PDB file of N, CA and C in Angstrom:
ATOM      1  N   GLU A   1     -33.136 -21.103 -52.445  1.00  0.00           N
ATOM      2  CA  GLU A   1     -33.884 -21.288 -53.692  1.00  0.00           C
ATOM      3  C   GLU A   1     -35.057 -20.310 -53.714  1.00  0.00           C
ATOM      4  N   GLY A   2     -35.158 -19.522 -54.787  1.00  0.00           N
ATOM      5  CA  GLY A   2     -36.205 -18.510 -54.894  1.00  0.00           C
ATOM      6  C   GLY A   2     -37.468 -19.061 -55.523  1.00  0.00           C
ATOM      7  N   GLU A   3     -38.429 -18.193 -55.599  1.00  0.00           N
ATOM      8  CA  GLU A   3     -39.693 -18.565 -56.235  1.00  0.00           C
ATOM      9  C   GLU A   3     -39.512 -18.662 -57.742  1.00  0.00           C
ATOM     10  N   VAL A   4     -40.352 -19.466 -58.355  1.00  0.00           N
ATOM     11  CA  VAL A   4     -40.318 -19.613 -59.806  1.00  0.00           C
ATOM     12  C   VAL A   4     -41.028 -18.422 -60.442  1.00  0.00           C
ATOM     13  N   MET A   5     -40.353 -17.768 -61.379  1.00  0.00           N
ATOM     14  CA  MET A   5     -40.951 -16.662 -62.124  1.00  0.00           C
ATOM     15  C   MET A   5     -41.681 -17.237 -63.328  1.00  0.00           C
ATOM     16  N   LYS A   6     -42.969 -16.940 -63.412  1.00  0.00           N
ATOM     17  CA  LYS A   6     -43.787 -17.469 -64.498  1.00  0.00           C
ATOM     18  C   LYS A   6     -43.849 -16.467 -65.644  1.00  0.00           C
ATOM     19  N   ILE A   7     -43.556 -16.959 -66.843  1.00  0.00           N
ATOM     20  CA  ILE A   7     -43.544 -16.140 -68.053  1.00  0.00           C
ATOM     21  C   ILE A   7     -44.537 -16.733 -69.044  1.00  0.00           C
ATOM     22  N   LEU A   8     -45.377 -15.884 -69.618  1.00  0.00           N
ATOM     23  CA  LEU A   8     -46.313 -16.324 -70.650  1.00  0.00           C
ATOM     24  C   LEU A   8     -45.967 -15.624 -71.954  1.00  0.00           C
ATOM     25  N   ILE A   9     -45.763 -16.427 -72.989  1.00  0.00           N
ATOM     26  CA  ILE A   9     -45.507 -15.909 -74.335  1.00  0.00           C
ATOM     27  C   ILE A   9     -46.797 -16.057 -75.130  1.00  0.00           C
ATOM     28  N   ILE A  10     -47.295 -14.952 -75.663  1.00  0.00           N
ATOM     29  CA  ILE A  10     -48.493 -14.962 -76.495  1.00  0.00           C
ATOM     30  C   ILE A  10     -48.041 -14.579 -77.892  1.00  0.00           C
ATOM     31  N   GLU A  11     -47.816 -15.590 -78.715  1.00  0.00           N
ATOM     32  CA  GLU A  11     -47.173 -15.416 -80.017  1.00  0.00           C
ATOM     33  C   GLU A  11     -47.627 -16.550 -80.933  1.00  0.00           C
ATOM     34  N   ASP A  12     -47.914 -16.241 -82.187  1.00  0.00           N
ATOM     35  CA  ASP A  12     -48.398 -17.267 -83.116  1.00  0.00           C
ATOM     36  C   ASP A  12     -47.317 -17.805 -84.049  1.00  0.00           C
ATOM     37  N   ASN A  13     -46.095 -17.339 -83.904  1.00  0.00           N
ATOM     38  CA  ASN A  13     -45.001 -17.776 -84.763  1.00  0.00           C
ATOM     39  C   ASN A  13     -44.070 -18.688 -83.955  1.00  0.00           C
ATOM     40  N   TYR A  14     -44.026 -19.971 -84.333  1.00  0.00           N
ATOM     41  CA  TYR A  14     -43.232 -20.948 -83.581  1.00  0.00           C
ATOM     42  C   TYR A  14     -41.747 -20.592 -83.557  1.00  0.00           C
ATOM     43  N   GLU A  15     -41.232 -20.050 -84.649  1.00  0.00           N
ATOM     44  CA  GLU A  15     -39.821 -19.672 -84.702  1.00  0.00           C
ATOM     45  C   GLU A  15     -39.512 -18.599 -83.656  1.00  0.00           C
ATOM     46  N   LYS A  16     -40.397 -17.609 -83.541  1.00  0.00           N
ATOM     47  CA  LYS A  16     -40.197 -16.555 -82.547  1.00  0.00           C
ATOM     48  C   LYS A  16     -40.324 -17.109 -81.131  1.00  0.00           C
ATOM     49  N   ILE A  17     -41.274 -18.012 -80.922  1.00  0.00           N
ATOM     50  CA  ILE A  17     -41.422 -18.644 -79.600  1.00  0.00           C
ATOM     51  C   ILE A  17     -40.128 -19.354 -79.217  1.00  0.00           C
ATOM     52  N   ASN A  18     -39.554 -20.104 -80.160  1.00  0.00           N
ATOM     53  CA  ASN A  18     -38.307 -20.820 -79.884  1.00  0.00           C
ATOM     54  C   ASN A  18     -37.161 -19.864 -79.571  1.00  0.00           C
ATOM     55  N   LYS A  19     -37.084 -18.742 -80.287  1.00  0.00           N
ATOM     56  CA  LYS A  19     -36.032 -17.751 -80.028  1.00  0.00           C
ATOM     57  C   LYS A  19     -36.178 -17.149 -78.626  1.00  0.00           C
ATOM     58  N   ILE A  20     -37.395 -16.875 -78.238  1.00  0.00           N
ATOM     59  CA  ILE A  20     -37.635 -16.314 -76.902  1.00  0.00           C
ATOM     60  C   ILE A  20     -37.253 -17.337 -75.838  1.00  0.00           C
ATOM     61  N   HIS A  21     -37.638 -18.608 -76.051  1.00  0.00           N
ATOM     62  CA  HIS A  21     -37.264 -19.671 -75.115  1.00  0.00           C
ATOM     63  C   HIS A  21     -35.742 -19.751 -74.975  1.00  0.00           C
ATOM     64  N   LYS A  22     -35.030 -19.713 -76.098  1.00  0.00           N
ATOM     65  CA  LYS A  22     -33.555 -19.794 -76.065  1.00  0.00           C
ATOM     66  C   LYS A  22     -32.961 -18.612 -75.307  1.00  0.00           C
ATOM     67  N   ALA A  23     -33.537 -17.427 -75.501  1.00  0.00           N
ATOM     68  CA  ALA A  23     -33.025 -16.239 -74.821  1.00  0.00           C
ATOM     69  C   ALA A  23     -33.216 -16.335 -73.308  1.00  0.00           C
ATOM     70  N   LEU A  24     -34.236 -17.069 -72.874  1.00  0.00           N
ATOM     71  CA  LEU A  24     -34.551 -17.161 -71.447  1.00  0.00           C
ATOM     72  C   LEU A  24     -34.045 -18.437 -70.786  1.00  0.00           C
ATOM     73  N   GLU A  25     -33.511 -19.374 -71.562  1.00  0.00           N
ATOM     74  CA  GLU A  25     -33.181 -20.689 -71.012  1.00  0.00           C
ATOM     75  C   GLU A  25     -32.041 -20.662 -69.992  1.00  0.00           C
ATOM     76  N   ASN A  26     -31.200 -19.644 -69.998  1.00  0.00           N
ATOM     77  CA  ASN A  26     -30.100 -19.575 -69.035  1.00  0.00           C
ATOM     78  C   ASN A  26     -30.537 -19.064 -67.664  1.00  0.00           C
ATOM     79  N   PHE A  27     -31.731 -18.509 -67.583  1.00  0.00           N
ATOM     80  CA  PHE A  27     -32.230 -18.037 -66.294  1.00  0.00           C
ATOM     81  C   PHE A  27     -32.713 -19.229 -65.479  1.00  0.00           C
ATOM     82  N   THR A  28     -32.432 -19.186 -64.187  1.00  0.00           N
ATOM     83  CA  THR A  28     -32.905 -20.253 -63.314  1.00  0.00           C
ATOM     84  C   THR A  28     -34.239 -19.845 -62.702  1.00  0.00           C
ATOM     85  N   ASP A  29     -34.953 -20.813 -62.250  1.00  0.00           N
ATOM     86  CA  ASP A  29     -36.229 -20.597 -61.573  1.00  0.00           C
ATOM     87  C   ASP A  29     -37.243 -19.835 -62.425  1.00  0.00           C
ATOM     88  N   VAL A  30     -37.333 -20.209 -63.698  1.00  0.00           N
ATOM     89  CA  VAL A  30     -38.374 -19.654 -64.560  1.00  0.00           C
ATOM     90  C   VAL A  30     -39.220 -20.791 -65.124  1.00  0.00           C
ATOM     91  N   SER A  31     -40.472 -20.502 -65.301  1.00  0.00           N
ATOM     92  CA  SER A  31     -41.408 -21.431 -65.934  1.00  0.00           C
ATOM     93  C   SER A  31     -42.011 -20.693 -67.121  1.00  0.00           C
ATOM     94  N   ILE A  32     -41.783 -21.213 -68.326  1.00  0.00           N
ATOM     95  CA  ILE A  32     -42.229 -20.530 -69.541  1.00  0.00           C
ATOM     96  C   ILE A  32     -43.361 -21.308 -70.181  1.00  0.00           C
ATOM     97  N   SER A  33     -44.462 -20.614 -70.434  1.00  0.00           N
ATOM     98  CA  SER A  33     -45.598 -21.182 -71.154  1.00  0.00           C
ATOM     99  C   SER A  33     -45.827 -20.354 -72.401  1.00  0.00           C
ATOM    100  N   SER A  34     -46.451 -20.945 -73.407  1.00  0.00           N
ATOM    101  CA  SER A  34     -46.775 -20.174 -74.602  1.00  0.00           C
ATOM    102  C   SER A  34     -48.130 -20.588 -75.143  1.00  0.00           C
ATOM    103  N   VAL A  35     -48.793 -19.613 -75.756  1.00  0.00           N
ATOM    104  CA  VAL A  35     -50.076 -19.825 -76.413  1.00  0.00           C
ATOM    105  C   VAL A  35     -50.035 -19.122 -77.759  1.00  0.00           C
ATOM    106  N   LEU A  36     -50.983 -19.460 -78.634  1.00  0.00           N
ATOM    107  CA  LEU A  36     -50.931 -19.007 -80.022  1.00  0.00           C
ATOM    108  C   LEU A  36     -51.993 -17.988 -80.421  1.00  0.00           C
ATOM    109  N   SER A  37     -52.836 -17.548 -79.476  1.00  0.00           N
ATOM    110  CA  SER A  37     -53.896 -16.614 -79.845  1.00  0.00           C
ATOM    111  C   SER A  37     -54.320 -15.768 -78.649  1.00  0.00           C
ATOM    112  N   VAL A  38     -55.069 -14.716 -78.938  1.00  0.00           N
ATOM    113  CA  VAL A  38     -55.622 -13.855 -77.899  1.00  0.00           C
ATOM    114  C   VAL A  38     -56.523 -14.664 -76.973  1.00  0.00           C
ATOM    115  N   ALA A  39     -57.407 -15.477 -77.533  1.00  0.00           N
ATOM    116  CA  ALA A  39     -58.348 -16.257 -76.723  1.00  0.00           C
ATOM    117  C   ALA A  39     -57.609 -17.185 -75.758  1.00  0.00           C
ATOM    118  N   GLU A  40     -56.578 -17.866 -76.247  1.00  0.00           N
ATOM    119  CA  GLU A  40     -55.806 -18.767 -75.386  1.00  0.00           C
ATOM    120  C   GLU A  40     -55.063 -17.981 -74.298  1.00  0.00           C
ATOM    121  N   GLY A  41     -54.554 -16.811 -74.665  1.00  0.00           N
ATOM    122  CA  GLY A  41     -53.875 -15.972 -73.687  1.00  0.00           C
ATOM    123  C   GLY A  41     -54.801 -15.541 -72.574  1.00  0.00           C
ATOM    124  N   LEU A  42     -55.994 -15.100 -72.928  1.00  0.00           N
ATOM    125  CA  LEU A  42     -56.964 -14.679 -71.914  1.00  0.00           C
ATOM    126  C   LEU A  42     -57.371 -15.845 -71.024  1.00  0.00           C
ATOM    127  N   ASP A  43     -57.538 -17.031 -71.599  1.00  0.00           N
ATOM    128  CA  ASP A  43     -57.876 -18.217 -70.799  1.00  0.00           C
ATOM    129  C   ASP A  43     -56.803 -18.481 -69.751  1.00  0.00           C
ATOM    130  N   ARG A  44     -55.546 -18.428 -70.182  1.00  0.00           N
ATOM    131  CA  ARG A  44     -54.435 -18.667 -69.241  1.00  0.00           C
ATOM    132  C   ARG A  44     -54.393 -17.599 -68.155  1.00  0.00           C
ATOM    133  N   LEU A  45     -54.604 -16.334 -68.556  1.00  0.00           N
ATOM    134  CA  LEU A  45     -54.520 -15.233 -67.601  1.00  0.00           C
ATOM    135  C   LEU A  45     -55.661 -15.253 -66.594  1.00  0.00           C
ATOM    136  N   ARG A  46     -56.778 -15.852 -66.960  1.00  0.00           N
ATOM    137  CA  ARG A  46     -57.891 -15.994 -66.017  1.00  0.00           C
ATOM    138  C   ARG A  46     -57.568 -17.037 -64.952  1.00  0.00           C
ATOM    139  N   CYS A  47     -56.747 -18.007 -65.298  1.00  0.00           N
ATOM    140  CA  CYS A  47     -56.460 -19.139 -64.408  1.00  0.00           C
ATOM    141  C   CYS A  47     -55.162 -18.990 -63.624  1.00  0.00           C
ATOM    142  N   GLU A  48     -54.198 -18.258 -64.164  1.00  0.00           N
ATOM    143  CA  GLU A  48     -52.867 -18.190 -63.553  1.00  0.00           C
ATOM    144  C   GLU A  48     -52.341 -16.769 -63.555  1.00  0.00           C
ATOM    145  N   ASN A  49     -51.432 -16.504 -62.632  1.00  0.00           N
ATOM    146  CA  ASN A  49     -50.741 -15.215 -62.582  1.00  0.00           C
ATOM    147  C   ASN A  49     -49.350 -15.367 -63.177  1.00  0.00           C
ATOM    148  N   TYR A  50     -48.939 -14.394 -63.941  1.00  0.00           N
ATOM    149  CA  TYR A  50     -47.615 -14.391 -64.563  1.00  0.00           C
ATOM    150  C   TYR A  50     -46.889 -13.119 -64.185  1.00  0.00           C
ATOM    151  N   GLU A  51     -45.579 -13.249 -63.982  1.00  0.00           N
ATOM    152  CA  GLU A  51     -44.764 -12.078 -63.679  1.00  0.00           C
ATOM    153  C   GLU A  51     -44.364 -11.339 -64.950  1.00  0.00           C
ATOM    154  N   ILE A  52     -44.200 -12.083 -66.043  1.00  0.00           N
ATOM    155  CA  ILE A  52     -43.783 -11.470 -67.308  1.00  0.00           C
ATOM    156  C   ILE A  52     -44.675 -11.973 -68.433  1.00  0.00           C
ATOM    157  N   LEU A  53     -45.129 -11.043 -69.269  1.00  0.00           N
ATOM    158  CA  LEU A  53     -45.873 -11.375 -70.483  1.00  0.00           C
ATOM    159  C   LEU A  53     -45.071 -10.894 -71.679  1.00  0.00           C
ATOM    160  N   VAL A  54     -44.945 -11.762 -72.679  1.00  0.00           N
ATOM    161  CA  VAL A  54     -44.346 -11.385 -73.952  1.00  0.00           C
ATOM    162  C   VAL A  54     -45.478 -11.484 -74.964  1.00  0.00           C
ATOM    163  N   VAL A  55     -45.913 -10.345 -75.493  1.00  0.00           N
ATOM    164  CA  VAL A  55     -47.128 -10.305 -76.309  1.00  0.00           C
ATOM    165  C   VAL A  55     -46.815  -9.844 -77.728  1.00  0.00           C
ATOM    166  N   ASP A  56     -47.189 -10.669 -78.694  1.00  0.00           N
ATOM    167  CA  ASP A  56     -47.131 -10.304 -80.109  1.00  0.00           C
ATOM    168  C   ASP A  56     -48.221  -9.266 -80.356  1.00  0.00           C
ATOM    169  N   MET A  57     -47.876  -8.175 -80.999  1.00  0.00           N
ATOM    170  CA  MET A  57     -48.871  -7.132 -81.241  1.00  0.00           C
ATOM    171  C   MET A  57     -49.813  -7.487 -82.388  1.00  0.00           C
ATOM    172  N   GLN A  58     -49.382  -8.355 -83.302  1.00  0.00           N
ATOM    173  CA  GLN A  58     -50.219  -8.769 -84.425  1.00  0.00           C
ATOM    174  C   GLN A  58     -50.440 -10.272 -84.311  1.00  0.00           C
ATOM    175  N   ILE A  59     -51.537 -10.629 -83.665  1.00  0.00           N
ATOM    176  CA  ILE A  59     -51.804 -12.033 -83.352  1.00  0.00           C
ATOM    177  C   ILE A  59     -53.275 -12.341 -83.602  1.00  0.00           C
ATOM    178  N   PRO A  60     -53.594 -13.569 -84.017  1.00  0.00           N
ATOM    179  CA  PRO A  60     -55.004 -13.910 -84.249  1.00  0.00           C
ATOM    180  C   PRO A  60     -55.817 -13.889 -82.949  1.00  0.00           C
ATOM    181  N   ASP A  61     -57.073 -13.550 -83.082  1.00  0.00           N
ATOM    182  CA  ASP A  61     -57.970 -13.609 -81.925  1.00  0.00           C
ATOM    183  C   ASP A  61     -58.173 -15.059 -81.498  1.00  0.00           C
ATOM    184  N   VAL A  62     -58.269 -15.942 -82.487  1.00  0.00           N
ATOM    185  CA  VAL A  62     -58.481 -17.370 -82.245  1.00  0.00           C
ATOM    186  C   VAL A  62     -57.463 -18.136 -83.093  1.00  0.00           C
ATOM    187  N   ARG A  63     -56.918 -19.213 -82.534  1.00  0.00           N
ATOM    188  CA  ARG A  63     -55.914 -20.004 -83.252  1.00  0.00           C
ATOM    189  C   ARG A  63     -56.429 -20.440 -84.617  1.00  0.00           C
ATOM    190  N   GLY A  64     -55.580 -20.287 -85.635  1.00  0.00           N
ATOM    191  CA  GLY A  64     -55.927 -20.717 -86.980  1.00  0.00           C
ATOM    192  C   GLY A  64     -56.653 -19.674 -87.816  1.00  0.00           C
ATOM    193  N   ARG A  65     -57.024 -18.580 -87.201  1.00  0.00           N
ATOM    194  CA  ARG A  65     -57.717 -17.508 -87.926  1.00  0.00           C
ATOM    195  C   ARG A  65     -56.721 -16.483 -88.434  1.00  0.00           C
ATOM    196  N   ASP A  66     -57.233 -15.505 -89.197  1.00  0.00           N
ATOM    197  CA  ASP A  66     -56.385 -14.432 -89.712  1.00  0.00           C
ATOM    198  C   ASP A  66     -55.822 -13.593 -88.574  1.00  0.00           C
ATOM    199  N   ILE A  67     -54.672 -13.010 -88.838  1.00  0.00           N
ATOM    200  CA  ILE A  67     -54.022 -12.148 -87.847  1.00  0.00           C
ATOM    201  C   ILE A  67     -54.842 -10.877 -87.652  1.00  0.00           C
ATOM    202  N   ASN A  68     -54.991 -10.488 -86.404  1.00  0.00           N
ATOM    203  CA  ASN A  68     -55.596  -9.213 -86.050  1.00  0.00           C
ATOM    204  C   ASN A  68     -54.428  -8.258 -85.798  1.00  0.00           C
ATOM    205  N   VAL A  69     -54.286  -7.232 -86.626  1.00  0.00           N
ATOM    206  CA  VAL A  69     -53.125  -6.344 -86.528  1.00  0.00           C
ATOM    207  C   VAL A  69     -53.073  -5.581 -85.201  1.00  0.00           C
ATOM    208  N   LYS A  70     -54.173  -5.515 -84.495  1.00  0.00           N
ATOM    209  CA  LYS A  70     -54.202  -4.873 -83.177  1.00  0.00           C
ATOM    210  C   LYS A  70     -54.527  -5.885 -82.076  1.00  0.00           C
ATOM    211  N   GLY A  71     -54.336  -7.163 -82.375  1.00  0.00           N
ATOM    212  CA  GLY A  71     -54.680  -8.220 -81.429  1.00  0.00           C
ATOM    213  C   GLY A  71     -53.982  -8.105 -80.095  1.00  0.00           C
ATOM    214  N   GLY A  72     -52.685  -7.787 -80.107  1.00  0.00           N
ATOM    215  CA  GLY A  72     -51.936  -7.666 -78.855  1.00  0.00           C
ATOM    216  C   GLY A  72     -52.425  -6.518 -77.999  1.00  0.00           C
ATOM    217  N   ILE A  73     -52.705  -5.391 -78.627  1.00  0.00           N
ATOM    218  CA  ILE A  73     -53.218  -4.237 -77.884  1.00  0.00           C
ATOM    219  C   ILE A  73     -54.608  -4.550 -77.333  1.00  0.00           C
ATOM    220  N   GLU A  74     -55.444  -5.189 -78.132  1.00  0.00           N
ATOM    221  CA  GLU A  74     -56.780  -5.548 -77.667  1.00  0.00           C
ATOM    222  C   GLU A  74     -56.704  -6.537 -76.505  1.00  0.00           C
ATOM    223  N   LEU A  75     -55.740  -7.453 -76.559  1.00  0.00           N
ATOM    224  CA  LEU A  75     -55.537  -8.387 -75.454  1.00  0.00           C
ATOM    225  C   LEU A  75     -55.195  -7.631 -74.172  1.00  0.00           C
ATOM    226  N   LEU A  76     -54.266  -6.694 -74.271  1.00  0.00           N
ATOM    227  CA  LEU A  76     -53.882  -5.928 -73.086  1.00  0.00           C
ATOM    228  C   LEU A  76     -55.047  -5.109 -72.539  1.00  0.00           C
ATOM    229  N   LEU A  77     -55.866  -4.570 -73.419  1.00  0.00           N
ATOM    230  CA  LEU A  77     -57.047  -3.835 -72.963  1.00  0.00           C
ATOM    231  C   LEU A  77     -58.017  -4.760 -72.233  1.00  0.00           C
ATOM    232  N   GLN A  78     -58.198  -5.975 -72.745  1.00  0.00           N
ATOM    233  CA  GLN A  78     -59.081  -6.940 -72.086  1.00  0.00           C
ATOM    234  C   GLN A  78     -58.517  -7.379 -70.738  1.00  0.00           C
ATOM    235  N   MET A  79     -57.198  -7.387 -70.613  1.00  0.00           N
ATOM    236  CA  MET A  79     -56.570  -7.754 -69.353  1.00  0.00           C
ATOM    237  C   MET A  79     -56.898  -6.767 -68.244  1.00  0.00           C
ATOM    238  N   LEU A  80     -57.166  -5.535 -68.600  1.00  0.00           N
ATOM    239  CA  LEU A  80     -57.506  -4.536 -67.588  1.00  0.00           C
ATOM    240  C   LEU A  80     -58.697  -4.983 -66.756  1.00  0.00           C
ATOM    241  N   SER A  81     -59.635  -5.670 -67.380  1.00  0.00           N
ATOM    242  CA  SER A  81     -60.810  -6.128 -66.643  1.00  0.00           C
ATOM    243  C   SER A  81     -60.503  -7.345 -65.779  1.00  0.00           C
ATOM    244  N   LEU A  82     -59.401  -8.042 -66.052  1.00  0.00           N
ATOM    245  CA  LEU A  82     -59.039  -9.225 -65.277  1.00  0.00           C
ATOM    246  C   LEU A  82     -58.310  -8.876 -63.986  1.00  0.00           C
ATOM    247  N   SER A  83     -57.568  -7.800 -63.978  1.00  0.00           N
ATOM    248  CA  SER A  83     -56.752  -7.478 -62.813  1.00  0.00           C
ATOM    249  C   SER A  83     -56.634  -5.976 -62.627  1.00  0.00           C
ATOM    250  N   LYS A  84     -57.220  -5.472 -61.567  1.00  0.00           N
ATOM    251  CA  LYS A  84     -57.119  -4.043 -61.274  1.00  0.00           C
ATOM    252  C   LYS A  84     -55.686  -3.681 -60.888  1.00  0.00           C
ATOM    253  N   LYS A  85     -54.951  -4.629 -60.322  1.00  0.00           N
ATOM    254  CA  LYS A  85     -53.562  -4.385 -59.937  1.00  0.00           C
ATOM    255  C   LYS A  85     -52.718  -4.018 -61.155  1.00  0.00           C
ATOM    256  N   LEU A  86     -53.004  -4.650 -62.290  1.00  0.00           N
ATOM    257  CA  LEU A  86     -52.236  -4.392 -63.501  1.00  0.00           C
ATOM    258  C   LEU A  86     -52.706  -3.153 -64.257  1.00  0.00           C
ATOM    259  N   ALA A  87     -53.853  -2.653 -63.919  1.00  0.00           N
ATOM    260  CA  ALA A  87     -54.478  -1.592 -64.708  1.00  0.00           C
ATOM    261  C   ALA A  87     -53.564  -0.399 -64.936  1.00  0.00           C
ATOM    262  N   GLY A  88     -52.941   0.114 -63.885  1.00  0.00           N
ATOM    263  CA  GLY A  88     -52.079   1.286 -64.032  1.00  0.00           C
ATOM    264  C   GLY A  88     -50.894   1.027 -64.936  1.00  0.00           C
ATOM    265  N   TYR A  89     -50.250  -0.126 -64.760  1.00  0.00           N
ATOM    266  CA  TYR A  89     -49.104  -0.464 -65.597  1.00  0.00           C
ATOM    267  C   TYR A  89     -49.518  -0.646 -67.049  1.00  0.00           C
ATOM    268  N   LEU A  90     -50.628  -1.326 -67.264  1.00  0.00           N
ATOM    269  CA  LEU A  90     -51.057  -1.610 -68.627  1.00  0.00           C
ATOM    270  C   LEU A  90     -51.495  -0.360 -69.364  1.00  0.00           C
ATOM    271  N   LYS A  91     -52.139   0.558 -68.684  1.00  0.00           N
ATOM    272  CA  LYS A  91     -52.538   1.806 -69.337  1.00  0.00           C
ATOM    273  C   LYS A  91     -51.317   2.532 -69.869  1.00  0.00           C
ATOM    274  N   THR A  92     -50.273   2.612 -69.056  1.00  0.00           N
ATOM    275  CA  THR A  92     -49.035   3.268 -69.480  1.00  0.00           C
ATOM    276  C   THR A  92     -48.414   2.527 -70.654  1.00  0.00           C
ATOM    277  N   LEU A  93     -48.360   1.200 -70.571  1.00  0.00           N
ATOM    278  CA  LEU A  93     -47.775   0.385 -71.627  1.00  0.00           C
ATOM    279  C   LEU A  93     -48.558   0.523 -72.932  1.00  0.00           C
ATOM    280  N   ILE A  94     -49.871   0.504 -72.857  1.00  0.00           N
ATOM    281  CA  ILE A  94     -50.703   0.606 -74.057  1.00  0.00           C
ATOM    282  C   ILE A  94     -50.514   1.968 -74.723  1.00  0.00           C
ATOM    283  N   ILE A  95     -50.485   3.011 -73.924  1.00  0.00           N
ATOM    284  CA  ILE A  95     -50.276   4.349 -74.483  1.00  0.00           C
ATOM    285  C   ILE A  95     -48.922   4.404 -75.184  1.00  0.00           C
ATOM    286  N   TRP A  96     -47.901   3.843 -74.552  1.00  0.00           N
ATOM    287  CA  TRP A  96     -46.560   3.831 -75.138  1.00  0.00           C
ATOM    288  C   TRP A  96     -46.545   3.056 -76.453  1.00  0.00           C
ATOM    289  N   MET A  97     -47.208   1.896 -76.486  1.00  0.00           N
ATOM    290  CA  MET A  97     -47.227   1.084 -77.707  1.00  0.00           C
ATOM    291  C   MET A  97     -48.002   1.787 -78.821  1.00  0.00           C
ATOM    292  N   LEU A  98     -49.095   2.426 -78.486  1.00  0.00           N
ATOM    293  CA  LEU A  98     -49.872   3.150 -79.490  1.00  0.00           C
ATOM    294  C   LEU A  98     -49.046   4.274 -80.091  1.00  0.00           C
ATOM    295  N   MET A  99     -48.262   4.940 -79.267  1.00  0.00           N
ATOM    296  CA  MET A  99     -47.416   6.027 -79.763  1.00  0.00           C
ATOM    297  C   MET A  99     -46.362   5.485 -80.724  1.00  0.00           C
ATOM    298  N   LEU A 100     -45.855   4.304 -80.465  1.00  0.00           N
ATOM    299  CA  LEU A 100     -44.848   3.712 -81.341  1.00  0.00           C
ATOM    300  C   LEU A 100     -45.410   3.330 -82.711  1.00  0.00           C
ATOM    301  N   GLN A 101     -46.694   3.013 -82.760  1.00  0.00           N
ATOM    302  CA  GLN A 101     -47.300   2.584 -84.021  1.00  0.00           C
ATOM    303  C   GLN A 101     -47.549   3.751 -84.965  1.00  0.00           C
ATOM    304  N   TYR A 102     -47.622   4.957 -84.455  1.00  0.00           N
ATOM    305  CA  TYR A 102     -47.982   6.094 -85.312  1.00  0.00           C
ATOM    306  C   TYR A 102     -46.872   7.080 -85.454  1.00  0.00           C
TER     307      TYR A 102
END
């Protein structure tokens, strides 16, 4: 029996969250959590380590507020300060995502 892979979904659309859960439900040894805003995502990331993050690029900063069209990118930038280990990977990912937007 292997270790449990922890996945965090940061997405404000319940339908999309359910689709992601369904896509991952056949995998064994996974633990899936989800949050609805940048603030909730950062709170979780401060307390727990995740192997996989699924991040909505257009997500509210705070639950119930208007969507921030760059919320996902801003979340990833804030994550750089939480973990130096992730810094190199996230810089590459952010650059790639920015290139896709333009």
